[in-house]
Amino acid sequence: MNRVVHFEIHADDPQRCSSFYSKVFGWQISQWDAGSEPYWLVTTGPDVEPGINGGIMKRRHPMGNVYNSIQVASVDDACASVLANGGMIVVPKVAIPGVGWLAYGNDTEGNIFGMMQEDRAAK
């Protein structure tokens, strides 16, 4: 079964947003310099407890607030299934260096979500 494995919070000021969540919830947040755009990794707690970690990034779209990413075996197959079932692909497959492949879809209700395929060799 495919599960939600990551969330993203989109912010006008990612540093201000990072400070807010760090102070309010005690999340550990650090800037990640591996990608082409500024990105902050969010650790919400120890891996022995239920929950997921995520990221904070510069807002790309006025309606984008929080995106959940779903782990899939194949981003290509997942994108094809989204299209076959009435959804749209809003960001085509891109490499996240050292992590894997990511694409964003839009469901039939207008909700945006990510699809992540693990592949440490992705470039």
PDB file of N, CA and C in Angstrom:
ATOM      1  N   MET A   1       0.848  -1.181   0.000  1.00  0.00           N
ATOM      2  CA  MET A   1       0.000   0.000   0.000  1.00  0.00           C
ATOM      3  C   MET A   1       0.890   1.240   0.000  1.00  0.00           C
ATOM      4  N   ASN A   2       0.476   2.274  -0.690  1.00  0.00           N
ATOM      5  CA  ASN A   2       1.221   3.533  -0.750  1.00  0.00           C
ATOM      6  C   ASN A   2       0.824   4.410   0.430  1.00  0.00           C
ATOM      7  N   ARG A   3       1.848   4.977   1.132  1.00  0.00           N
ATOM      8  CA  ARG A   3       1.593   5.753   2.345  1.00  0.00           C
ATOM      9  C   ARG A   3       2.131   7.167   2.228  1.00  0.00           C
ATOM     10  N   VAL A   4       1.543   8.092   2.982  1.00  0.00           N
ATOM     11  CA  VAL A   4       2.071   9.443   3.084  1.00  0.00           C
ATOM     12  C   VAL A   4       3.397   9.343   3.845  1.00  0.00           C
ATOM     13  N   VAL A   5       4.464   9.879   3.252  1.00  0.00           N
ATOM     14  CA  VAL A   5       5.786   9.766   3.851  1.00  0.00           C
ATOM     15  C   VAL A   5       6.469  11.120   4.076  1.00  0.00           C
ATOM     16  N   HIS A   6       5.846  12.213   3.647  1.00  0.00           N
ATOM     17  CA  HIS A   6       6.503  13.517   3.732  1.00  0.00           C
ATOM     18  C   HIS A   6       5.442  14.600   3.573  1.00  0.00           C
ATOM     19  N   PHE A   7       5.619  15.715   4.266  1.00  0.00           N
ATOM     20  CA  PHE A   7       4.742  16.864   4.055  1.00  0.00           C
ATOM     21  C   PHE A   7       5.598  18.066   3.704  1.00  0.00           C
ATOM     22  N   GLU A   8       4.983  19.040   3.039  1.00  0.00           N
ATOM     23  CA  GLU A   8       5.660  20.302   2.746  1.00  0.00           C
ATOM     24  C   GLU A   8       4.757  21.454   3.131  1.00  0.00           C
ATOM     25  N   ILE A   9       5.340  22.429   3.801  1.00  0.00           N
ATOM     26  CA  ILE A   9       4.643  23.662   4.139  1.00  0.00           C
ATOM     27  C   ILE A   9       5.212  24.745   3.231  1.00  0.00           C
ATOM     28  N   HIS A  10       4.359  25.392   2.472  1.00  0.00           N
ATOM     29  CA  HIS A  10       4.784  26.458   1.570  1.00  0.00           C
ATOM     30  C   HIS A  10       4.600  27.782   2.284  1.00  0.00           C
ATOM     31  N   ALA A  11       5.610  28.647   2.195  1.00  0.00           N
ATOM     32  CA  ALA A  11       5.599  29.885   2.968  1.00  0.00           C
ATOM     33  C   ALA A  11       6.126  31.053   2.145  1.00  0.00           C
ATOM     34  N   ASP A  12       5.581  32.244   2.406  1.00  0.00           N
ATOM     35  CA  ASP A  12       6.109  33.453   1.781  1.00  0.00           C
ATOM     36  C   ASP A  12       7.520  33.732   2.299  1.00  0.00           C
ATOM     37  N   ASP A  13       7.756  33.457   3.585  1.00  0.00           N
ATOM     38  CA  ASP A  13       9.061  33.661   4.220  1.00  0.00           C
ATOM     39  C   ASP A  13       9.436  32.367   4.945  1.00  0.00           C
ATOM     40  N   PRO A  14      10.121  31.444   4.260  1.00  0.00           N
ATOM     41  CA  PRO A  14      10.438  30.147   4.864  1.00  0.00           C
ATOM     42  C   PRO A  14      11.229  30.239   6.167  1.00  0.00           C
ATOM     43  N   GLN A  15      12.115  31.221   6.302  1.00  0.00           N
ATOM     44  CA  GLN A  15      12.869  31.351   7.548  1.00  0.00           C
ATOM     45  C   GLN A  15      11.949  31.736   8.700  1.00  0.00           C
ATOM     46  N   ARG A  16      11.031  32.654   8.459  1.00  0.00           N
ATOM     47  CA  ARG A  16      10.066  33.048   9.484  1.00  0.00           C
ATOM     48  C   ARG A  16       9.178  31.861   9.843  1.00  0.00           C
ATOM     49  N   CYS A  17       8.745  31.115   8.825  1.00  0.00           N
ATOM     50  CA  CYS A  17       7.908  29.939   9.038  1.00  0.00           C
ATOM     51  C   CYS A  17       8.663  28.887   9.849  1.00  0.00           C
ATOM     52  N   SER A  18       9.940  28.665   9.520  1.00  0.00           N
ATOM     53  CA  SER A  18      10.768  27.702  10.255  1.00  0.00           C
ATOM     54  C   SER A  18      10.862  28.086  11.726  1.00  0.00           C
ATOM     55  N   SER A  19      11.077  29.349  11.975  1.00  0.00           N
ATOM     56  CA  SER A  19      11.182  29.836  13.351  1.00  0.00           C
ATOM     57  C   SER A  19       9.876  29.598  14.112  1.00  0.00           C
ATOM     58  N   PHE A  20       8.752  29.865  13.448  1.00  0.00           N
ATOM     59  CA  PHE A  20       7.440  29.667  14.073  1.00  0.00           C
ATOM     60  C   PHE A  20       7.246  28.221  14.510  1.00  0.00           C
ATOM     61  N   TYR A  21       7.426  27.264  13.591  1.00  0.00           N
ATOM     62  CA  TYR A  21       7.180  25.860  13.916  1.00  0.00           C
ATOM     63  C   TYR A  21       8.201  25.316  14.911  1.00  0.00           C
ATOM     64  N   SER A  22       9.404  25.824  14.856  1.00  0.00           N
ATOM     65  CA  SER A  22      10.425  25.416  15.814  1.00  0.00           C
ATOM     66  C   SER A  22      10.050  25.869  17.223  1.00  0.00           C
ATOM     67  N   LYS A  23       9.592  27.105  17.342  1.00  0.00           N
ATOM     68  CA  LYS A  23       9.226  27.649  18.654  1.00  0.00           C
ATOM     69  C   LYS A  23       7.929  27.053  19.182  1.00  0.00           C
ATOM     70  N   VAL A  24       6.943  26.891  18.312  1.00  0.00           N
ATOM     71  CA  VAL A  24       5.628  26.412  18.758  1.00  0.00           C
ATOM     72  C   VAL A  24       5.633  24.921  19.083  1.00  0.00           C
ATOM     73  N   PHE A  25       6.245  24.104  18.227  1.00  0.00           N
ATOM     74  CA  PHE A  25       6.166  22.650  18.385  1.00  0.00           C
ATOM     75  C   PHE A  25       7.494  21.985  18.749  1.00  0.00           C
ATOM     76  N   GLY A  26       8.578  22.757  18.772  1.00  0.00           N
ATOM     77  CA  GLY A  26       9.878  22.185  19.096  1.00  0.00           C
ATOM     78  C   GLY A  26      10.484  21.373  17.969  1.00  0.00           C
ATOM     79  N   TRP A  27       9.983  21.560  16.740  1.00  0.00           N
ATOM     80  CA  TRP A  27      10.525  20.823  15.596  1.00  0.00           C
ATOM     81  C   TRP A  27      11.958  21.267  15.332  1.00  0.00           C
ATOM     82  N   GLN A  28      12.800  20.336  14.908  1.00  0.00           N
ATOM     83  CA  GLN A  28      14.169  20.651  14.502  1.00  0.00           C
ATOM     84  C   GLN A  28      14.148  20.950  13.008  1.00  0.00           C
ATOM     85  N   ILE A  29      14.611  22.143  12.650  1.00  0.00           N
ATOM     86  CA  ILE A  29      14.540  22.581  11.258  1.00  0.00           C
ATOM     87  C   ILE A  29      15.908  23.089  10.832  1.00  0.00           C
ATOM     88  N   SER A  30      16.372  22.596   9.685  1.00  0.00           N
ATOM     89  CA  SER A  30      17.679  23.027   9.180  1.00  0.00           C
ATOM     90  C   SER A  30      17.605  23.194   7.669  1.00  0.00           C
ATOM     91  N   GLN A  31      18.342  24.184   7.164  1.00  0.00           N
ATOM     92  CA  GLN A  31      18.351  24.415   5.721  1.00  0.00           C
ATOM     93  C   GLN A  31      19.136  23.305   5.041  1.00  0.00           C
ATOM     94  N   TRP A  32      18.580  22.838   3.912  1.00  0.00           N
ATOM     95  CA  TRP A  32      19.182  21.766   3.125  1.00  0.00           C
ATOM     96  C   TRP A  32      19.664  22.379   1.823  1.00  0.00           C
ATOM     97  N   ASP A  33      20.926  22.214   1.514  1.00  0.00           N
ATOM     98  CA  ASP A  33      21.505  22.869   0.349  1.00  0.00           C
ATOM     99  C   ASP A  33      21.720  21.937  -0.839  1.00  0.00           C
ATOM    100  N   ALA A  34      21.083  20.774  -0.847  1.00  0.00           N
ATOM    101  CA  ALA A  34      21.312  19.806  -1.919  1.00  0.00           C
ATOM    102  C   ALA A  34      20.507  20.094  -3.178  1.00  0.00           C
ATOM    103  N   GLY A  35      19.414  20.817  -3.063  1.00  0.00           N
ATOM    104  CA  GLY A  35      18.550  21.057  -4.213  1.00  0.00           C
ATOM    105  C   GLY A  35      18.869  22.352  -4.922  1.00  0.00           C
ATOM    106  N   SER A  36      18.104  22.647  -5.954  1.00  0.00           N
ATOM    107  CA  SER A  36      18.326  23.862  -6.733  1.00  0.00           C
ATOM    108  C   SER A  36      17.626  25.074  -6.116  1.00  0.00           C
ATOM    109  N   GLU A  37      16.699  24.850  -5.185  1.00  0.00           N
ATOM    110  CA  GLU A  37      15.986  25.931  -4.522  1.00  0.00           C
ATOM    111  C   GLU A  37      16.169  25.799  -3.011  1.00  0.00           C
ATOM    112  N   PRO A  38      16.130  26.916  -2.275  1.00  0.00           N
ATOM    113  CA  PRO A  38      16.249  26.821  -0.814  1.00  0.00           C
ATOM    114  C   PRO A  38      15.152  25.920  -0.235  1.00  0.00           C
ATOM    115  N   TYR A  39      15.544  25.087   0.706  1.00  0.00           N
ATOM    116  CA  TYR A  39      14.622  24.112   1.287  1.00  0.00           C
ATOM    117  C   TYR A  39      15.055  23.842   2.712  1.00  0.00           C
ATOM    118  N   TRP A  40      14.090  23.757   3.612  1.00  0.00           N
ATOM    119  CA  TRP A  40      14.371  23.485   5.014  1.00  0.00           C
ATOM    120  C   TRP A  40      13.789  22.129   5.384  1.00  0.00           C
ATOM    121  N   LEU A  41      14.626  21.253   5.939  1.00  0.00           N
ATOM    122  CA  LEU A  41      14.176  19.930   6.384  1.00  0.00           C
ATOM    123  C   LEU A  41      13.580  20.046   7.779  1.00  0.00           C
ATOM    124  N   VAL A  42      12.451  19.392   7.987  1.00  0.00           N
ATOM    125  CA  VAL A  42      11.739  19.455   9.261  1.00  0.00           C
ATOM    126  C   VAL A  42      11.709  18.063   9.887  1.00  0.00           C
ATOM    127  N   THR A  43      12.236  17.960  11.106  1.00  0.00           N
ATOM    128  CA  THR A  43      12.154  16.729  11.882  1.00  0.00           C
ATOM    129  C   THR A  43      11.157  16.990  13.009  1.00  0.00           C
ATOM    130  N   THR A  44      10.049  16.268  12.980  1.00  0.00           N
ATOM    131  CA  THR A  44       8.968  16.522  13.939  1.00  0.00           C
ATOM    132  C   THR A  44       9.091  15.700  15.217  1.00  0.00           C
ATOM    133  N   GLY A  45       9.994  14.731  15.241  1.00  0.00           N
ATOM    134  CA  GLY A  45      10.183  13.913  16.434  1.00  0.00           C
ATOM    135  C   GLY A  45      11.027  12.700  16.124  1.00  0.00           C
ATOM    136  N   PRO A  46      11.307  11.898  17.139  1.00  0.00           N
ATOM    137  CA  PRO A  46      12.138  10.708  16.919  1.00  0.00           C
ATOM    138  C   PRO A  46      11.407   9.660  16.083  1.00  0.00           C
ATOM    139  N   ASP A  47      12.178   8.891  15.322  1.00  0.00           N
ATOM    140  CA  ASP A  47      11.600   7.885  14.427  1.00  0.00           C
ATOM    141  C   ASP A  47      10.887   6.757  15.170  1.00  0.00           C
ATOM    142  N   VAL A  48      11.082   6.625  16.463  1.00  0.00           N
ATOM    143  CA  VAL A  48      10.428   5.554  17.218  1.00  0.00           C
ATOM    144  C   VAL A  48       8.978   5.891  17.549  1.00  0.00           C
ATOM    145  N   GLU A  49       8.558   7.141  17.297  1.00  0.00           N
ATOM    146  CA  GLU A  49       7.180   7.565  17.550  1.00  0.00           C
ATOM    147  C   GLU A  49       6.426   7.659  16.222  1.00  0.00           C
ATOM    148  N   PRO A  50       5.091   7.531  16.253  1.00  0.00           N
ATOM    149  CA  PRO A  50       4.309   7.712  15.025  1.00  0.00           C
ATOM    150  C   PRO A  50       4.452   9.143  14.508  1.00  0.00           C
ATOM    151  N   GLY A  51       4.393   9.298  13.209  1.00  0.00           N
ATOM    152  CA  GLY A  51       4.455  10.623  12.612  1.00  0.00           C
ATOM    153  C   GLY A  51       5.384  10.637  11.420  1.00  0.00           C
ATOM    154  N   ILE A  52       5.381  11.757  10.712  1.00  0.00           N
ATOM    155  CA  ILE A  52       6.252  11.911   9.545  1.00  0.00           C
ATOM    156  C   ILE A  52       6.998  13.231   9.651  1.00  0.00           C
ATOM    157  N   ASN A  53       8.076  13.322   8.918  1.00  0.00           N
ATOM    158  CA  ASN A  53       8.857  14.544   8.829  1.00  0.00           C
ATOM    159  C   ASN A  53       8.534  15.230   7.508  1.00  0.00           C
ATOM    160  N   GLY A  54       9.045  16.427   7.333  1.00  0.00           N
ATOM    161  CA  GLY A  54       8.702  17.146   6.120  1.00  0.00           C
ATOM    162  C   GLY A  54       9.687  18.222   5.759  1.00  0.00           C
ATOM    163  N   GLY A  55       9.161  19.251   5.110  1.00  0.00           N
ATOM    164  CA  GLY A  55       9.998  20.349   4.655  1.00  0.00           C
ATOM    165  C   GLY A  55       9.223  21.647   4.578  1.00  0.00           C
ATOM    166  N   ILE A  56       9.975  22.738   4.508  1.00  0.00           N
ATOM    167  CA  ILE A  56       9.404  24.070   4.322  1.00  0.00           C
ATOM    168  C   ILE A  56      10.088  24.665   3.108  1.00  0.00           C
ATOM    169  N   MET A  57       9.305  25.262   2.232  1.00  0.00           N
ATOM    170  CA  MET A  57       9.855  25.836   1.015  1.00  0.00           C
ATOM    171  C   MET A  57       9.139  27.125   0.649  1.00  0.00           C
ATOM    172  N   LYS A  58       9.736  27.885  -0.243  1.00  0.00           N
ATOM    173  CA  LYS A  58       9.136  29.126  -0.733  1.00  0.00           C
ATOM    174  C   LYS A  58       7.839  28.797  -1.461  1.00  0.00           C
ATOM    175  N   ARG A  59       6.794  29.554  -1.190  1.00  0.00           N
ATOM    176  CA  ARG A  59       5.495  29.328  -1.814  1.00  0.00           C
ATOM    177  C   ARG A  59       5.610  29.475  -3.329  1.00  0.00           C
ATOM    178  N   ARG A  60       5.099  28.483  -4.066  1.00  0.00           N
ATOM    179  CA  ARG A  60       5.135  28.487  -5.534  1.00  0.00           C
ATOM    180  C   ARG A  60       3.820  28.939  -6.145  1.00  0.00           C
ATOM    181  N   HIS A  61       2.745  28.731  -5.429  1.00  0.00           N
ATOM    182  CA  HIS A  61       1.418  28.985  -5.978  1.00  0.00           C
ATOM    183  C   HIS A  61       0.568  29.570  -4.866  1.00  0.00           C
ATOM    184  N   PRO A  62      -0.283  30.558  -5.156  1.00  0.00           N
ATOM    185  CA  PRO A  62      -1.078  31.174  -4.093  1.00  0.00           C
ATOM    186  C   PRO A  62      -1.980  30.204  -3.335  1.00  0.00           C
ATOM    187  N   MET A  63      -2.359  29.084  -3.964  1.00  0.00           N
ATOM    188  CA  MET A  63      -3.235  28.138  -3.271  1.00  0.00           C
ATOM    189  C   MET A  63      -2.450  27.044  -2.557  1.00  0.00           C
ATOM    190  N   GLY A  64      -1.124  27.010  -2.736  1.00  0.00           N
ATOM    191  CA  GLY A  64      -0.330  25.959  -2.113  1.00  0.00           C
ATOM    192  C   GLY A  64      -0.024  26.269  -0.669  1.00  0.00           C
ATOM    193  N   ASN A  65      -0.448  25.416   0.245  1.00  0.00           N
ATOM    194  CA  ASN A  65      -0.185  25.634   1.657  1.00  0.00           C
ATOM    195  C   ASN A  65       0.550  24.458   2.276  1.00  0.00           C
ATOM    196  N   VAL A  66      -0.053  23.294   2.281  1.00  0.00           N
ATOM    197  CA  VAL A  66       0.572  22.086   2.816  1.00  0.00           C
ATOM    198  C   VAL A  66       0.363  20.971   1.803  1.00  0.00           C
ATOM    199  N   TYR A  67       1.449  20.326   1.410  1.00  0.00           N
ATOM    200  CA  TYR A  67       1.373  19.214   0.467  1.00  0.00           C
ATOM    201  C   TYR A  67       1.855  17.953   1.159  1.00  0.00           C
ATOM    202  N   ASN A  68       1.151  16.870   0.962  1.00  0.00           N
ATOM    203  CA  ASN A  68       1.591  15.562   1.437  1.00  0.00           C
ATOM    204  C   ASN A  68       2.166  14.801   0.262  1.00  0.00           C
ATOM    205  N   SER A  69       3.277  14.101   0.495  1.00  0.00           N
ATOM    206  CA  SER A  69       3.886  13.274  -0.552  1.00  0.00           C
ATOM    207  C   SER A  69       3.667  11.810  -0.221  1.00  0.00           C
ATOM    208  N   ILE A  70       3.299  11.048  -1.236  1.00  0.00           N
ATOM    209  CA  ILE A  70       2.969   9.637  -1.091  1.00  0.00           C
ATOM    210  C   ILE A  70       4.081   8.819  -1.745  1.00  0.00           C
ATOM    211  N   GLN A  71       4.624   7.874  -0.995  1.00  0.00           N
ATOM    212  CA  GLN A  71       5.674   7.018  -1.543  1.00  0.00           C
ATOM    213  C   GLN A  71       5.062   6.047  -2.540  1.00  0.00           C
ATOM    214  N   VAL A  72       5.671   5.960  -3.724  1.00  0.00           N
ATOM    215  CA  VAL A  72       5.194   5.059  -4.777  1.00  0.00           C
ATOM    216  C   VAL A  72       6.375   4.264  -5.318  1.00  0.00           C
ATOM    217  N   ALA A  73       6.082   3.122  -5.915  1.00  0.00           N
ATOM    218  CA  ALA A  73       7.134   2.299  -6.515  1.00  0.00           C
ATOM    219  C   ALA A  73       7.655   2.931  -7.801  1.00  0.00           C
ATOM    220  N   SER A  74       6.777   3.620  -8.537  1.00  0.00           N
ATOM    221  CA  SER A  74       7.150   4.235  -9.809  1.00  0.00           C
ATOM    222  C   SER A  74       6.389   5.549  -9.978  1.00  0.00           C
ATOM    223  N   VAL A  75       7.127   6.658 -10.057  1.00  0.00           N
ATOM    224  CA  VAL A  75       6.485   7.951 -10.294  1.00  0.00           C
ATOM    225  C   VAL A  75       5.801   7.948 -11.657  1.00  0.00           C
ATOM    226  N   ASP A  76       6.429   7.335 -12.642  1.00  0.00           N
ATOM    227  CA  ASP A  76       5.832   7.302 -13.982  1.00  0.00           C
ATOM    228  C   ASP A  76       4.477   6.588 -13.960  1.00  0.00           C
ATOM    229  N   ASP A  77       4.417   5.428 -13.301  1.00  0.00           N
ATOM    230  CA  ASP A  77       3.154   4.687 -13.218  1.00  0.00           C
ATOM    231  C   ASP A  77       2.107   5.452 -12.417  1.00  0.00           C
ATOM    232  N   ALA A  78       2.539   6.083 -11.325  1.00  0.00           N
ATOM    233  CA  ALA A  78       1.596   6.846 -10.499  1.00  0.00           C
ATOM    234  C   ALA A  78       1.022   8.023 -11.282  1.00  0.00           C
ATOM    235  N   CYS A  79       1.866   8.726 -12.044  1.00  0.00           N
ATOM    236  CA  CYS A  79       1.386   9.849 -12.864  1.00  0.00           C
ATOM    237  C   CYS A  79       0.379   9.366 -13.902  1.00  0.00           C
ATOM    238  N   ALA A  80       0.656   8.232 -14.522  1.00  0.00           N
ATOM    239  CA  ALA A  80      -0.271   7.677 -15.507  1.00  0.00           C
ATOM    240  C   ALA A  80      -1.612   7.347 -14.853  1.00  0.00           C
ATOM    241  N   SER A  81      -1.575   6.814 -13.640  1.00  0.00           N
ATOM    242  CA  SER A  81      -2.807   6.479 -12.929  1.00  0.00           C
ATOM    243  C   SER A  81      -3.596   7.731 -12.547  1.00  0.00           C
ATOM    244  N   VAL A  82      -2.879   8.787 -12.132  1.00  0.00           N
ATOM    245  CA  VAL A  82      -3.542  10.062 -11.817  1.00  0.00           C
ATOM    246  C   VAL A  82      -4.315  10.547 -13.037  1.00  0.00           C
ATOM    247  N   LEU A  83      -3.665  10.563 -14.181  1.00  0.00           N
ATOM    248  CA  LEU A  83      -4.310  11.038 -15.412  1.00  0.00           C
ATOM    249  C   LEU A  83      -5.477  10.146 -15.811  1.00  0.00           C
ATOM    250  N   ALA A  84      -5.324   8.832 -15.676  1.00  0.00           N
ATOM    251  CA  ALA A  84      -6.372   7.884 -16.066  1.00  0.00           C
ATOM    252  C   ALA A  84      -7.603   7.983 -15.177  1.00  0.00           C
ATOM    253  N   ASN A  85      -7.426   8.559 -13.979  1.00  0.00           N
ATOM    254  CA  ASN A  85      -8.536   8.629 -13.026  1.00  0.00           C
ATOM    255  C   ASN A  85      -9.065  10.035 -12.810  1.00  0.00           C
ATOM    256  N   GLY A  86      -8.812  10.921 -13.774  1.00  0.00           N
ATOM    257  CA  GLY A  86      -9.426  12.251 -13.747  1.00  0.00           C
ATOM    258  C   GLY A  86      -8.615  13.333 -13.072  1.00  0.00           C
ATOM    259  N   GLY A  87      -7.392  13.028 -12.645  1.00  0.00           N
ATOM    260  CA  GLY A  87      -6.539  14.039 -12.033  1.00  0.00           C
ATOM    261  C   GLY A  87      -5.647  14.701 -13.064  1.00  0.00           C
ATOM    262  N   MET A  88      -4.767  15.564 -12.595  1.00  0.00           N
ATOM    263  CA  MET A  88      -3.823  16.260 -13.469  1.00  0.00           C
ATOM    264  C   MET A  88      -2.432  16.176 -12.864  1.00  0.00           C
ATOM    265  N   ILE A  89      -1.427  16.297 -13.690  1.00  0.00           N
ATOM    266  CA  ILE A  89      -0.052  16.421 -13.224  1.00  0.00           C
ATOM    267  C   ILE A  89       0.279  17.904 -13.281  1.00  0.00           C
ATOM    268  N   VAL A  90       0.615  18.486 -12.130  1.00  0.00           N
ATOM    269  CA  VAL A  90       0.881  19.924 -12.088  1.00  0.00           C
ATOM    270  C   VAL A  90       2.377  20.240 -12.079  1.00  0.00           C
ATOM    271  N   VAL A  91       3.210  19.298 -11.648  1.00  0.00           N
ATOM    272  CA  VAL A  91       4.665  19.413 -11.754  1.00  0.00           C
ATOM    273  C   VAL A  91       5.172  18.059 -12.232  1.00  0.00           C
ATOM    274  N   PRO A  92       5.712  18.002 -13.454  1.00  0.00           N
ATOM    275  CA  PRO A  92       6.209  16.725 -13.977  1.00  0.00           C
ATOM    276  C   PRO A  92       7.369  16.186 -13.135  1.00  0.00           C
ATOM    277  N   LYS A  93       7.681  14.941 -13.352  1.00  0.00           N
ATOM    278  CA  LYS A  93       8.745  14.238 -12.630  1.00  0.00           C
ATOM    279  C   LYS A  93      10.062  15.017 -12.656  1.00  0.00           C
ATOM    280  N   VAL A  94      10.633  15.208 -11.465  1.00  0.00           N
ATOM    281  CA  VAL A  94      11.930  15.862 -11.323  1.00  0.00           C
ATOM    282  C   VAL A  94      12.788  15.031 -10.375  1.00  0.00           C
ATOM    283  N   ALA A  95      14.093  15.143 -10.545  1.00  0.00           N
ATOM    284  CA  ALA A  95      15.026  14.447  -9.656  1.00  0.00           C
ATOM    285  C   ALA A  95      15.284  15.288  -8.413  1.00  0.00           C
ATOM    286  N   ILE A  96      15.280  14.639  -7.263  1.00  0.00           N
ATOM    287  CA  ILE A  96      15.738  15.237  -6.018  1.00  0.00           C
ATOM    288  C   ILE A  96      17.062  14.523  -5.738  1.00  0.00           C
ATOM    289  N   PRO A  97      18.201  15.180  -6.005  1.00  0.00           N
ATOM    290  CA  PRO A  97      19.498  14.506  -5.951  1.00  0.00           C
ATOM    291  C   PRO A  97      19.731  13.744  -4.645  1.00  0.00           C
ATOM    292  N   GLY A  98      20.107  12.486  -4.792  1.00  0.00           N
ATOM    293  CA  GLY A  98      20.405  11.638  -3.651  1.00  0.00           C
ATOM    294  C   GLY A  98      19.194  11.114  -2.910  1.00  0.00           C
ATOM    295  N   VAL A  99      17.992  11.484  -3.346  1.00  0.00           N
ATOM    296  CA  VAL A  99      16.754  11.068  -2.671  1.00  0.00           C
ATOM    297  C   VAL A  99      15.890  10.221  -3.593  1.00  0.00           C
ATOM    298  N   GLY A 100      15.501  10.790  -4.738  1.00  0.00           N
ATOM    299  CA  GLY A 100      14.634  10.051  -5.648  1.00  0.00           C
ATOM    300  C   GLY A 100      13.951  10.961  -6.649  1.00  0.00           C
ATOM    301  N   TRP A 101      12.797  10.512  -7.117  1.00  0.00           N
ATOM    302  CA  TRP A 101      12.020  11.216  -8.143  1.00  0.00           C
ATOM    303  C   TRP A 101      10.734  11.723  -7.529  1.00  0.00           C
ATOM    304  N   LEU A 102      10.324  12.931  -7.912  1.00  0.00           N
ATOM    305  CA  LEU A 102       9.141  13.561  -7.354  1.00  0.00           C
ATOM    306  C   LEU A 102       8.312  14.174  -8.462  1.00  0.00           C
ATOM    307  N   ALA A 103       6.995  14.029  -8.361  1.00  0.00           N
ATOM    308  CA  ALA A 103       6.053  14.722  -9.242  1.00  0.00           C
ATOM    309  C   ALA A 103       4.887  15.165  -8.371  1.00  0.00           C
ATOM    310  N   TYR A 104       4.186  16.202  -8.812  1.00  0.00           N
ATOM    311  CA  TYR A 104       3.009  16.675  -8.088  1.00  0.00           C
ATOM    312  C   TYR A 104       1.773  16.474  -8.952  1.00  0.00           C
ATOM    313  N   GLY A 105       0.727  15.972  -8.327  1.00  0.00           N
ATOM    314  CA  GLY A 105      -0.547  15.786  -8.993  1.00  0.00           C
ATOM    315  C   GLY A 105      -1.612  16.654  -8.364  1.00  0.00           C
ATOM    316  N   ASN A 106      -2.732  16.740  -9.044  1.00  0.00           N
ATOM    317  CA  ASN A 106      -3.893  17.473  -8.562  1.00  0.00           C
ATOM    318  C   ASN A 106      -5.060  16.496  -8.654  1.00  0.00           C
ATOM    319  N   ASP A 107      -5.732  16.262  -7.524  1.00  0.00           N
ATOM    320  CA  ASP A 107      -6.831  15.296  -7.542  1.00  0.00           C
ATOM    321  C   ASP A 107      -8.098  15.898  -8.138  1.00  0.00           C
ATOM    322  N   THR A 108      -9.177  15.154  -8.164  1.00  0.00           N
ATOM    323  CA  THR A 108     -10.427  15.617  -8.762  1.00  0.00           C
ATOM    324  C   THR A 108     -11.079  16.753  -7.986  1.00  0.00           C
ATOM    325  N   GLU A 109     -10.584  17.020  -6.760  1.00  0.00           N
ATOM    326  CA  GLU A 109     -11.145  18.095  -5.932  1.00  0.00           C
ATOM    327  C   GLU A 109     -10.241  19.319  -5.887  1.00  0.00           C
ATOM    328  N   GLY A 110      -9.145  19.296  -6.650  1.00  0.00           N
ATOM    329  CA  GLY A 110      -8.238  20.436  -6.686  1.00  0.00           C
ATOM    330  C   GLY A 110      -7.125  20.396  -5.651  1.00  0.00           C
ATOM    331  N   ASN A 111      -6.970  19.289  -4.916  1.00  0.00           N
ATOM    332  CA  ASN A 111      -5.915  19.170  -3.923  1.00  0.00           C
ATOM    333  C   ASN A 111      -4.610  18.729  -4.580  1.00  0.00           C
ATOM    334  N   ILE A 112      -3.519  19.392  -4.241  1.00  0.00           N
ATOM    335  CA  ILE A 112      -2.211  19.047  -4.775  1.00  0.00           C
ATOM    336  C   ILE A 112      -1.531  18.073  -3.825  1.00  0.00           C
ATOM    337  N   PHE A 113      -0.839  17.079  -4.390  1.00  0.00           N
ATOM    338  CA  PHE A 113      -0.110  16.095  -3.595  1.00  0.00           C
ATOM    339  C   PHE A 113       1.143  15.680  -4.349  1.00  0.00           C
ATOM    340  N   GLY A 114       2.144  15.236  -3.600  1.00  0.00           N
ATOM    341  CA  GLY A 114       3.376  14.763  -4.211  1.00  0.00           C
ATOM    342  C   GLY A 114       3.394  13.253  -4.320  1.00  0.00           C
ATOM    343  N   MET A 115       4.176  12.755  -5.268  1.00  0.00           N
ATOM    344  CA  MET A 115       4.414  11.318  -5.439  1.00  0.00           C
ATOM    345  C   MET A 115       5.914  11.130  -5.485  1.00  0.00           C
ATOM    346  N   MET A 116       6.460  10.366  -4.540  1.00  0.00           N
ATOM    347  CA  MET A 116       7.903  10.211  -4.387  1.00  0.00           C
ATOM    348  C   MET A 116       8.330   8.767  -4.615  1.00  0.00           C
ATOM    349  N   GLN A 117       9.301   8.613  -5.503  1.00  0.00           N
ATOM    350  CA  GLN A 117       9.906   7.307  -5.774  1.00  0.00           C
ATOM    351  C   GLN A 117      11.338   7.346  -5.251  1.00  0.00           C
ATOM    352  N   GLU A 118      11.670   6.475  -4.310  1.00  0.00           N
ATOM    353  CA  GLU A 118      13.020   6.449  -3.763  1.00  0.00           C
ATOM    354  C   GLU A 118      14.013   5.961  -4.814  1.00  0.00           C
ATOM    355  N   ASP A 119      15.099   6.705  -4.981  1.00  0.00           N
ATOM    356  CA  ASP A 119      16.170   6.329  -5.898  1.00  0.00           C
ATOM    357  C   ASP A 119      17.380   7.210  -5.551  1.00  0.00           C
ATOM    358  N   ARG A 120      18.260   6.691  -4.722  1.00  0.00           N
ATOM    359  CA  ARG A 120      19.421   7.473  -4.257  1.00  0.00           C
ATOM    360  C   ARG A 120      20.337   7.902  -5.407  1.00  0.00           C
ATOM    361  N   ALA A 121      20.219   7.262  -6.569  1.00  0.00           N
ATOM    362  CA  ALA A 121      21.046   7.608  -7.735  1.00  0.00           C
ATOM    363  C   ALA A 121      20.433   8.726  -8.575  1.00  0.00           C
ATOM    364  N   ALA A 122      19.276   9.205  -8.215  1.00  0.00           N
ATOM    365  CA  ALA A 122      18.605  10.250  -9.012  1.00  0.00           C
ATOM    366  C   ALA A 122      19.470  11.508  -9.074  1.00  0.00           C
ATOM    367  N   LYS A 123      19.525  12.083 -10.279  1.00  0.00           N
ATOM    368  CA  LYS A 123      20.305  13.321 -10.482  1.00  0.00           C
ATOM    369  C   LYS A 123      19.555  14.261 -11.389  1.00  0.00           C
TER     370      LYS A 123
END
